[in-house]
PDB file of N, CA and C in Angstrom:
ATOM      1  N   UNK A   1       0.985  -1.162  -0.043  1.00  0.00           N
ATOM      2  CA  UNK A   1      -0.015   0.111   0.034  1.00  0.00           C
ATOM      3  C   UNK A   1       0.970   1.297   0.460  1.00  0.00           C
ATOM      4  N   UNK A   2       0.532   2.424  -0.549  1.00  0.00           N
ATOM      5  CA  UNK A   2       0.864   3.375  -0.271  1.00  0.00           C
ATOM      6  C   UNK A   2       1.807   4.039   0.621  1.00  0.00           C
ATOM      7  N   UNK A   3       2.667   5.052   0.679  1.00  0.00           N
ATOM      8  CA  UNK A   3       2.381   5.810   2.040  1.00  0.00           C
ATOM      9  C   UNK A   3       1.758   6.453   2.133  1.00  0.00           C
ATOM     10  N   UNK A   4       0.565   6.810   3.230  1.00  0.00           N
ATOM     11  CA  UNK A   4      -0.128   7.731   3.442  1.00  0.00           C
ATOM     12  C   UNK A   4       0.473   8.953   3.948  1.00  0.00           C
ATOM     13  N   UNK A   5       1.745   9.504   3.802  1.00  0.00           N
ATOM     14  CA  UNK A   5       2.332  10.596   4.051  1.00  0.00           C
ATOM     15  C   UNK A   5       3.533  10.764   2.552  1.00  0.00           C
ATOM     16  N   UNK A   6       2.763  10.608   0.969  1.00  0.00           N
ATOM     17  CA  UNK A   6       3.099  10.773   0.315  1.00  0.00           C
ATOM     18  C   UNK A   6       3.408  12.272   0.343  1.00  0.00           C
ATOM     19  N   UNK A   7       2.535  13.342   0.922  1.00  0.00           N
ATOM     20  CA  UNK A   7       3.468  14.509   0.811  1.00  0.00           C
ATOM     21  C   UNK A   7       3.838  15.025   1.954  1.00  0.00           C
ATOM     22  N   UNK A   8       4.652  16.054   2.035  1.00  0.00           N
ATOM     23  CA  UNK A   8       5.213  16.891   2.992  1.00  0.00           C
ATOM     24  C   UNK A   8       4.407  18.355   3.391  1.00  0.00           C
ATOM     25  N   UNK A   9       5.187  18.666   4.565  1.00  0.00           N
ATOM     26  CA  UNK A   9       5.017  19.865   4.814  1.00  0.00           C
ATOM     27  C   UNK A   9       6.102  20.402   3.996  1.00  0.00           C
ATOM     28  N   UNK A  10       6.265  21.341   3.565  1.00  0.00           N
ATOM     29  CA  UNK A  10       7.926  22.518   3.583  1.00  0.00           C
ATOM     30  C   UNK A  10       7.225  24.373   4.317  1.00  0.00           C
ATOM     31  N   UNK A  11       8.382  24.361   5.096  1.00  0.00           N
ATOM     32  CA  UNK A  11       7.667  25.804   5.734  1.00  0.00           C
ATOM     33  C   UNK A  11       9.422  26.115   5.222  1.00  0.00           C
ATOM     34  N   UNK A  12       8.721  27.248   5.074  1.00  0.00           N
ATOM     35  CA  UNK A  12       9.955  28.791   4.588  1.00  0.00           C
ATOM     36  C   UNK A  12       9.615  29.518   5.085  1.00  0.00           C
ATOM     37  N   UNK A  13      10.919  30.050   6.081  1.00  0.00           N
ATOM     38  CA  UNK A  13      11.159  31.014   6.432  1.00  0.00           C
ATOM     39  C   UNK A  13      12.581  32.156   6.480  1.00  0.00           C
ATOM     40  N   UNK A  14      12.451  33.499   6.656  1.00  0.00           N
ATOM     41  CA  UNK A  14      13.326  34.107   6.771  1.00  0.00           C
ATOM     42  C   UNK A  14      13.756  35.043   8.100  1.00  0.00           C
ATOM     43  N   UNK A  15      15.597  35.082   7.505  1.00  0.00           N
ATOM     44  CA  UNK A  15      15.725  35.351   8.821  1.00  0.00           C
ATOM     45  C   UNK A  15      16.821  37.380   8.477  1.00  0.00           C
ATOM     46  N   UNK A  16      16.471  37.973   9.643  1.00  0.00           N
ATOM     47  CA  UNK A  16      17.023  39.119   8.688  1.00  0.00           C
ATOM     48  C   UNK A  16      19.011  38.869   9.151  1.00  0.00           C
ATOM     49  N   UNK A  17      19.465  37.944  10.441  1.00  0.00           N
ATOM     50  CA  UNK A  17      20.513  38.364  10.843  1.00  0.00           C
ATOM     51  C   UNK A  17      20.819  36.467  11.084  1.00  0.00           C
ATOM     52  N   UNK A  18      22.155  36.448  11.764  1.00  0.00           N
ATOM     53  CA  UNK A  18      22.265  34.947  11.766  1.00  0.00           C
ATOM     54  C   UNK A  18      21.848  34.508  13.087  1.00  0.00           C
ATOM     55  N   UNK A  19      21.351  33.590  13.366  1.00  0.00           N
ATOM     56  CA  UNK A  19      21.042  33.503  15.033  1.00  0.00           C
ATOM     57  C   UNK A  19      20.061  32.282  15.516  1.00  0.00           C
ATOM     58  N   UNK A  20      20.364  32.093  17.167  1.00  0.00           N
ATOM     59  CA  UNK A  20      20.222  30.725  17.148  1.00  0.00           C
ATOM     60  C   UNK A  20      18.856  30.703  17.088  1.00  0.00           C
ATOM     61  N   UNK A  21      18.224  29.895  16.895  1.00  0.00           N
ATOM     62  CA  UNK A  21      17.095  29.097  16.129  1.00  0.00           C
ATOM     63  C   UNK A  21      16.330  28.134  16.465  1.00  0.00           C
ATOM     64  N   UNK A  22      15.279  28.260  16.321  1.00  0.00           N
ATOM     65  CA  UNK A  22      14.731  26.769  16.986  1.00  0.00           C
ATOM     66  C   UNK A  22      12.875  26.852  15.750  1.00  0.00           C
ATOM     67  N   UNK A  23      12.971  25.569  15.484  1.00  0.00           N
ATOM     68  CA  UNK A  23      11.396  25.319  14.601  1.00  0.00           C
ATOM     69  C   UNK A  23      10.962  24.220  15.430  1.00  0.00           C
ATOM     70  N   UNK A  24       9.937  24.749  15.793  1.00  0.00           N
ATOM     71  CA  UNK A  24       9.164  23.274  16.555  1.00  0.00           C
ATOM     72  C   UNK A  24       7.838  23.141  15.703  1.00  0.00           C
ATOM     73  N   UNK A  25       7.972  21.461  15.687  1.00  0.00           N
ATOM     74  CA  UNK A  25       6.154  21.648  15.090  1.00  0.00           C
ATOM     75  C   UNK A  25       4.771  21.355  16.743  1.00  0.00           C
ATOM     76  N   UNK A  26       3.655  21.456  16.630  1.00  0.00           N
ATOM     77  CA  UNK A  26       2.832  21.557  17.694  1.00  0.00           C
ATOM     78  C   UNK A  26       2.244  20.581  17.701  1.00  0.00           C
ATOM     79  N   UNK A  27       1.236  20.409  18.253  1.00  0.00           N
ATOM     80  CA  UNK A  27      -0.516  19.114  17.451  1.00  0.00           C
ATOM     81  C   UNK A  27      -1.815  20.514  17.756  1.00  0.00           C
ATOM     82  N   UNK A  28      -2.827  20.320  17.783  1.00  0.00           N
ATOM     83  CA  UNK A  28      -3.625  21.293  17.720  1.00  0.00           C
ATOM     84  C   UNK A  28      -3.910  20.965  19.177  1.00  0.00           C
ATOM     85  N   UNK A  29      -3.513  20.742  20.423  1.00  0.00           N
ATOM     86  CA  UNK A  29      -3.725  20.916  21.693  1.00  0.00           C
ATOM     87  C   UNK A  29      -2.826  21.472  22.201  1.00  0.00           C
ATOM     88  N   UNK A  30      -1.802  21.682  21.621  1.00  0.00           N
ATOM     89  CA  UNK A  30      -0.856  22.345  21.171  1.00  0.00           C
ATOM     90  C   UNK A  30       1.039  21.634  22.467  1.00  0.00           C
ATOM     91  N   UNK A  31       0.619  19.941  22.191  1.00  0.00           N
ATOM     92  CA  UNK A  31       1.909  19.304  22.323  1.00  0.00           C
ATOM     93  C   UNK A  31       2.640  18.898  21.395  1.00  0.00           C
ATOM     94  N   UNK A  32       3.883  19.763  22.114  1.00  0.00           N
ATOM     95  CA  UNK A  32       5.092  19.540  21.322  1.00  0.00           C
ATOM     96  C   UNK A  32       4.673  17.706  20.533  1.00  0.00           C
ATOM     97  N   UNK A  33       5.256  18.373  18.988  1.00  0.00           N
ATOM     98  CA  UNK A  33       5.545  16.223  18.154  1.00  0.00           C
ATOM     99  C   UNK A  33       7.350  16.042  17.701  1.00  0.00           C
ATOM    100  N   UNK A  34       7.392  17.740  17.062  1.00  0.00           N
ATOM    101  CA  UNK A  34       8.577  17.293  17.019  1.00  0.00           C
ATOM    102  C   UNK A  34       9.921  18.599  17.240  1.00  0.00           C
ATOM    103  N   UNK A  35      10.754  18.706  16.945  1.00  0.00           N
ATOM    104  CA  UNK A  35      11.919  20.161  16.793  1.00  0.00           C
ATOM    105  C   UNK A  35      12.541  19.212  15.606  1.00  0.00           C
ATOM    106  N   UNK A  36      12.527  20.735  14.504  1.00  0.00           N
ATOM    107  CA  UNK A  36      13.041  20.268  13.010  1.00  0.00           C
ATOM    108  C   UNK A  36      14.307  21.467  13.318  1.00  0.00           C
ATOM    109  N   UNK A  37      14.338  22.185  13.780  1.00  0.00           N
ATOM    110  CA  UNK A  37      15.643  23.341  14.055  1.00  0.00           C
ATOM    111  C   UNK A  37      15.531  22.807  15.006  1.00  0.00           C
ATOM    112  N   UNK A  38      16.986  23.090  15.775  1.00  0.00           N
ATOM    113  CA  UNK A  38      18.000  24.025  17.281  1.00  0.00           C
ATOM    114  C   UNK A  38      19.175  24.114  16.759  1.00  0.00           C
ATOM    115  N   UNK A  39      19.583  24.953  16.308  1.00  0.00           N
ATOM    116  CA  UNK A  39      21.047  25.325  16.070  1.00  0.00           C
ATOM    117  C   UNK A  39      21.133  27.341  15.363  1.00  0.00           C
ATOM    118  N   UNK A  40      22.110  27.119  15.762  1.00  0.00           N
ATOM    119  CA  UNK A  40      22.695  28.672  14.394  1.00  0.00           C
ATOM    120  C   UNK A  40      22.104  29.113  13.069  1.00  0.00           C
ATOM    121  N   UNK A  41      21.600  29.156  12.680  1.00  0.00           N
ATOM    122  CA  UNK A  41      21.011  29.196  10.890  1.00  0.00           C
ATOM    123  C   UNK A  41      21.447  30.987  11.098  1.00  0.00           C
ATOM    124  N   UNK A  42      21.960  30.769   9.539  1.00  0.00           N
ATOM    125  CA  UNK A  42      22.160  31.981   9.052  1.00  0.00           C
ATOM    126  C   UNK A  42      21.232  33.214   7.844  1.00  0.00           C
ATOM    127  N   UNK A  43      21.406  34.692   7.637  1.00  0.00           N
ATOM    128  CA  UNK A  43      20.429  35.242   7.484  1.00  0.00           C
ATOM    129  C   UNK A  43      20.449  34.754   5.952  1.00  0.00           C
ATOM    130  N   UNK A  44      19.324  34.914   5.948  1.00  0.00           N
ATOM    131  CA  UNK A  44      18.137  34.575   4.262  1.00  0.00           C
ATOM    132  C   UNK A  44      16.930  34.482   4.518  1.00  0.00           C
ATOM    133  N   UNK A  45      17.027  33.069   3.468  1.00  0.00           N
ATOM    134  CA  UNK A  45      15.763  32.518   3.361  1.00  0.00           C
ATOM    135  C   UNK A  45      15.965  31.096   3.542  1.00  0.00           C
ATOM    136  N   UNK A  46      15.232  30.883   4.271  1.00  0.00           N
ATOM    137  CA  UNK A  46      15.751  29.000   4.412  1.00  0.00           C
ATOM    138  C   UNK A  46      14.026  28.035   3.857  1.00  0.00           C
ATOM    139  N   UNK A  47      13.895  26.710   3.396  1.00  0.00           N
ATOM    140  CA  UNK A  47      13.238  25.981   3.526  1.00  0.00           C
ATOM    141  C   UNK A  47      13.748  24.666   4.718  1.00  0.00           C
ATOM    142  N   UNK A  48      12.189  24.157   5.011  1.00  0.00           N
ATOM    143  CA  UNK A  48      12.656  22.540   6.175  1.00  0.00           C
ATOM    144  C   UNK A  48      11.862  22.083   5.503  1.00  0.00           C
ATOM    145  N   UNK A  49      11.974  20.877   5.548  1.00  0.00           N
ATOM    146  CA  UNK A  49      10.863  19.540   5.061  1.00  0.00           C
ATOM    147  C   UNK A  49      10.333  18.940   6.933  1.00  0.00           C
ATOM    148  N   UNK A  50       8.751  18.585   6.525  1.00  0.00           N
ATOM    149  CA  UNK A  50       8.696  18.315   8.101  1.00  0.00           C
ATOM    150  C   UNK A  50       7.367  16.330   7.213  1.00  0.00           C
ATOM    151  N   UNK A  51       8.463  15.421   7.025  1.00  0.00           N
ATOM    152  CA  UNK A  51       7.719  14.288   6.268  1.00  0.00           C
ATOM    153  C   UNK A  51       6.481  13.591   7.162  1.00  0.00           C
ATOM    154  N   UNK A  52       6.045  14.267   8.795  1.00  0.00           N
ATOM    155  CA  UNK A  52       4.984  13.949   9.124  1.00  0.00           C
ATOM    156  C   UNK A  52       5.040  13.464   9.933  1.00  0.00           C
ATOM    157  N   UNK A  53       6.342  13.128  10.802  1.00  0.00           N
ATOM    158  CA  UNK A  53       6.899  11.814  12.355  1.00  0.00           C
ATOM    159  C   UNK A  53       7.510  12.917  13.167  1.00  0.00           C
ATOM    160  N   UNK A  54       6.979  11.961  14.285  1.00  0.00           N
ATOM    161  CA  UNK A  54       7.000  12.919  15.594  1.00  0.00           C
ATOM    162  C   UNK A  54       9.001  12.145  15.607  1.00  0.00           C
ATOM    163  N   UNK A  55       8.740  13.342  16.933  1.00  0.00           N
ATOM    164  CA  UNK A  55      10.499  12.599  17.623  1.00  0.00           C
ATOM    165  C   UNK A  55      11.461  11.381  17.394  1.00  0.00           C
ATOM    166  N   UNK A  56      10.544  10.094  17.229  1.00  0.00           N
ATOM    167  CA  UNK A  56      11.164   8.620  17.183  1.00  0.00           C
ATOM    168  C   UNK A  56      10.569   8.391  16.059  1.00  0.00           C
ATOM    169  N   UNK A  57      10.249   9.477  15.442  1.00  0.00           N
ATOM    170  CA  UNK A  57      10.060   8.292  13.827  1.00  0.00           C
ATOM    171  C   UNK A  57       8.504   8.150  13.043  1.00  0.00           C
ATOM    172  N   UNK A  58       7.608   7.967  14.548  1.00  0.00           N
ATOM    173  CA  UNK A  58       6.419   7.452  13.878  1.00  0.00           C
ATOM    174  C   UNK A  58       5.749   8.592  13.062  1.00  0.00           C
ATOM    175  N   UNK A  59       4.524   7.786  11.829  1.00  0.00           N
ATOM    176  CA  UNK A  59       3.729   8.731  11.529  1.00  0.00           C
ATOM    177  C   UNK A  59       2.396   9.525  12.065  1.00  0.00           C
ATOM    178  N   UNK A  60       2.470  11.032  12.390  1.00  0.00           N
ATOM    179  CA  UNK A  60       1.365  11.668  13.331  1.00  0.00           C
ATOM    180  C   UNK A  60      -0.026  11.542  12.286  1.00  0.00           C
ATOM    181  N   UNK A  61      -1.324  11.254  12.842  1.00  0.00           N
ATOM    182  CA  UNK A  61      -2.469  11.435  12.077  1.00  0.00           C
ATOM    183  C   UNK A  61      -2.170  12.612  11.350  1.00  0.00           C
ATOM    184  N   UNK A  62      -3.165  13.109   9.816  1.00  0.00           N
ATOM    185  CA  UNK A  62      -3.813  14.267   9.075  1.00  0.00           C
ATOM    186  C   UNK A  62      -4.286  15.167  10.284  1.00  0.00           C
ATOM    187  N   UNK A  63      -4.506  15.916  10.021  1.00  0.00           N
ATOM    188  CA  UNK A  63      -5.067  16.981  10.912  1.00  0.00           C
ATOM    189  C   UNK A  63      -4.365  18.298  11.607  1.00  0.00           C
ATOM    190  N   UNK A  64      -4.747  19.216  11.596  1.00  0.00           N
ATOM    191  CA  UNK A  64      -3.932  20.593  11.965  1.00  0.00           C
ATOM    192  C   UNK A  64      -2.701  20.856  12.934  1.00  0.00           C
ATOM    193  N   UNK A  65      -1.676  21.592  12.345  1.00  0.00           N
ATOM    194  CA  UNK A  65      -0.225  21.250  13.526  1.00  0.00           C
ATOM    195  C   UNK A  65       0.052  22.844  13.212  1.00  0.00           C
ATOM    196  N   UNK A  66       0.800  23.339  14.443  1.00  0.00           N
ATOM    197  CA  UNK A  66       1.669  24.556  14.609  1.00  0.00           C
ATOM    198  C   UNK A  66       2.527  24.234  14.015  1.00  0.00           C
ATOM    199  N   UNK A  67       3.612  25.171  13.478  1.00  0.00           N
ATOM    200  CA  UNK A  67       4.978  25.326  13.931  1.00  0.00           C
ATOM    201  C   UNK A  67       5.391  26.705  14.651  1.00  0.00           C
ATOM    202  N   UNK A  68       6.375  27.069  15.115  1.00  0.00           N
ATOM    203  CA  UNK A  68       6.814  27.864  16.326  1.00  0.00           C
ATOM    204  C   UNK A  68       8.430  28.015  15.687  1.00  0.00           C
ATOM    205  N   UNK A  69       8.372  29.549  15.069  1.00  0.00           N
ATOM    206  CA  UNK A  69       9.863  30.045  14.863  1.00  0.00           C
ATOM    207  C   UNK A  69       9.871  30.802  16.358  1.00  0.00           C
ATOM    208  N   UNK A  70      11.139  30.230  16.638  1.00  0.00           N
ATOM    209  CA  UNK A  70      11.507  30.795  17.585  1.00  0.00           C
ATOM    210  C   UNK A  70      13.682  31.530  17.224  1.00  0.00           C
ATOM    211  N   UNK A  71      13.292  32.853  16.971  1.00  0.00           N
ATOM    212  CA  UNK A  71      14.596  33.415  16.703  1.00  0.00           C
ATOM    213  C   UNK A  71      14.751  34.218  17.070  1.00  0.00           C
ATOM    214  N   UNK A  72      16.177  34.502  17.777  1.00  0.00           N
ATOM    215  CA  UNK A  72      16.334  35.667  18.556  1.00  0.00           C
ATOM    216  C   UNK A  72      15.234  36.162  19.331  1.00  0.00           C
ATOM    217  N   UNK A  73      14.530  37.317  18.707  1.00  0.00           N
ATOM    218  CA  UNK A  73      14.043  38.137  19.726  1.00  0.00           C
ATOM    219  C   UNK A  73      12.918  38.053  19.202  1.00  0.00           C
ATOM    220  N   UNK A  74      12.720  36.927  18.142  1.00  0.00           N
ATOM    221  CA  UNK A  74      11.405  37.111  17.047  1.00  0.00           C
ATOM    222  C   UNK A  74      10.778  35.437  17.308  1.00  0.00           C
ATOM    223  N   UNK A  75       9.786  35.649  17.173  1.00  0.00           N
ATOM    224  CA  UNK A  75       8.971  34.349  17.635  1.00  0.00           C
ATOM    225  C   UNK A  75       7.898  34.384  17.119  1.00  0.00           C
ATOM    226  N   UNK A  76       7.187  33.414  15.840  1.00  0.00           N
ATOM    227  CA  UNK A  76       6.021  33.519  15.218  1.00  0.00           C
ATOM    228  C   UNK A  76       5.456  32.053  15.125  1.00  0.00           C
ATOM    229  N   UNK A  77       4.030  32.194  15.342  1.00  0.00           N
ATOM    230  CA  UNK A  77       3.455  30.974  15.432  1.00  0.00           C
ATOM    231  C   UNK A  77       2.592  30.844  13.796  1.00  0.00           C
ATOM    232  N   UNK A  78       2.483  29.706  13.229  1.00  0.00           N
ATOM    233  CA  UNK A  78       1.811  29.747  11.992  1.00  0.00           C
ATOM    234  C   UNK A  78       0.802  28.156  12.063  1.00  0.00           C
ATOM    235  N   UNK A  79      -0.463  28.424  11.483  1.00  0.00           N
ATOM    236  CA  UNK A  79      -0.886  27.359  11.393  1.00  0.00           C
ATOM    237  C   UNK A  79      -0.941  26.340  10.052  1.00  0.00           C
ATOM    238  N   UNK A  80      -0.730  24.804  10.166  1.00  0.00           N
ATOM    239  CA  UNK A  80      -0.550  24.311   8.321  1.00  0.00           C
ATOM    240  C   UNK A  80      -1.670  23.181   8.750  1.00  0.00           C
ATOM    241  N   UNK A  81      -1.731  22.680   7.534  1.00  0.00           N
ATOM    242  CA  UNK A  81      -2.134  21.069   8.008  1.00  0.00           C
ATOM    243  C   UNK A  81      -1.895  20.373   7.161  1.00  0.00           C
ATOM    244  N   UNK A  82      -1.798  18.842   7.127  1.00  0.00           N
ATOM    245  CA  UNK A  82      -1.229  18.097   7.132  1.00  0.00           C
ATOM    246  C   UNK A  82      -2.210  16.640   6.913  1.00  0.00           C
ATOM    247  N   UNK A  83      -2.366  17.075   5.545  1.00  0.00           N
ATOM    248  CA  UNK A  83      -3.139  14.923   4.842  1.00  0.00           C
ATOM    249  C   UNK A  83      -2.497  14.569   4.526  1.00  0.00           C
ATOM    250  N   UNK A  84      -2.749  13.311   4.925  1.00  0.00           N
ATOM    251  CA  UNK A  84      -2.848  12.261   4.256  1.00  0.00           C
ATOM    252  C   UNK A  84      -2.403  11.634   2.687  1.00  0.00           C
TER     253      UNK A  84
END
Protein backbone atom coordinates (compact mmCIF):
# COMPACT_ATOMS: atom_id res chain seq x y z
CA UNK A 1 0.00 0.00 0.00
CA UNK A 2 1.23 3.52 -0.66
CA UNK A 3 2.76 5.58 2.10
CA UNK A 4 -0.06 7.69 3.57
CA UNK A 5 2.37 10.61 3.86
CA UNK A 6 3.56 10.83 0.29
CA UNK A 7 3.10 14.55 0.77
CA UNK A 8 5.26 16.57 3.09
CA UNK A 9 4.96 20.00 4.59
CA UNK A 10 7.47 22.61 3.47
CA UNK A 11 8.01 25.45 5.92
CA UNK A 12 9.67 28.61 4.67
CA UNK A 13 11.06 31.40 6.79
CA UNK A 14 13.48 34.24 6.48
CA UNK A 15 15.96 35.59 9.01
CA UNK A 16 17.29 39.17 9.01
CA UNK A 17 20.54 38.07 10.65
CA UNK A 18 22.38 34.96 11.76
CA UNK A 19 20.82 33.79 15.00
CA UNK A 20 20.09 30.84 17.25
CA UNK A 21 16.91 29.34 15.80
CA UNK A 22 14.37 26.82 17.07
CA UNK A 23 11.63 25.49 14.79
CA UNK A 24 9.09 23.28 16.56
CA UNK A 25 5.91 21.45 15.53
CA UNK A 26 2.92 21.24 17.88
CA UNK A 27 -0.41 19.46 17.57
CA UNK A 28 -3.82 21.13 17.84
CA UNK A 29 -3.74 20.72 21.64
CA UNK A 30 -0.36 22.41 21.89
CA UNK A 31 1.58 19.24 22.62
CA UNK A 32 5.10 19.16 21.14
CA UNK A 33 5.43 16.81 18.18
CA UNK A 34 8.93 17.41 16.87
CA UNK A 35 11.79 19.91 16.86
CA UNK A 36 13.01 20.41 13.31
CA UNK A 37 15.76 22.97 13.94
CA UNK A 38 17.71 23.75 17.09
CA UNK A 39 20.87 25.47 15.87
CA UNK A 40 22.53 28.61 14.61
CA UNK A 41 21.01 29.60 11.25
CA UNK A 42 22.37 32.03 8.67
CA UNK A 43 20.60 35.19 7.54
CA UNK A 44 18.31 34.87 4.54
CA UNK A 45 15.65 32.46 3.33
CA UNK A 46 15.30 28.90 4.59
CA UNK A 47 13.17 25.94 3.56
CA UNK A 48 12.57 23.06 5.94
CA UNK A 49 10.72 19.87 5.07
CA UNK A 50 8.64 17.96 7.61
CA UNK A 51 7.74 14.41 6.62
CA UNK A 52 4.90 14.07 9.14
CA UNK A 53 6.85 12.12 11.75
CA UNK A 54 7.39 12.80 15.43
CA UNK A 55 10.66 12.67 17.42
CA UNK A 56 10.78 8.85 17.35
CA UNK A 57 9.92 8.54 13.66
CA UNK A 58 6.26 7.59 14.04
CA UNK A 59 3.82 9.09 11.55
CA UNK A 60 1.33 11.42 13.16
CA UNK A 61 -2.25 11.56 11.94
CA UNK A 62 -3.39 14.10 9.42
CA UNK A 63 -4.93 17.27 10.78
CA UNK A 64 -4.07 20.76 11.93
CA UNK A 65 -0.62 21.41 13.32
CA UNK A 66 1.26 24.53 14.30
CA UNK A 67 4.87 25.38 13.80
CA UNK A 68 6.61 27.89 16.01
CA UNK A 69 9.73 29.72 14.94
CA UNK A 70 11.91 31.26 17.64
CA UNK A 71 14.81 33.25 16.24
CA UNK A 72 16.58 35.62 18.60
CA UNK A 73 13.89 37.96 19.97
CA UNK A 74 11.45 36.99 17.22
CA UNK A 75 8.66 34.42 17.62
CA UNK A 76 6.10 33.42 15.03
CA UNK A 77 3.46 30.71 15.14
CA UNK A 78 1.64 29.55 12.02
CA UNK A 79 -1.06 26.97 11.40
CA UNK A 80 -0.64 24.26 8.78
CA UNK A 81 -2.65 21.34 7.53
CA UNK A 82 -1.12 17.91 7.16
CA UNK A 83 -3.13 15.68 4.82
CA UNK A 84 -2.72 12.00 4.10
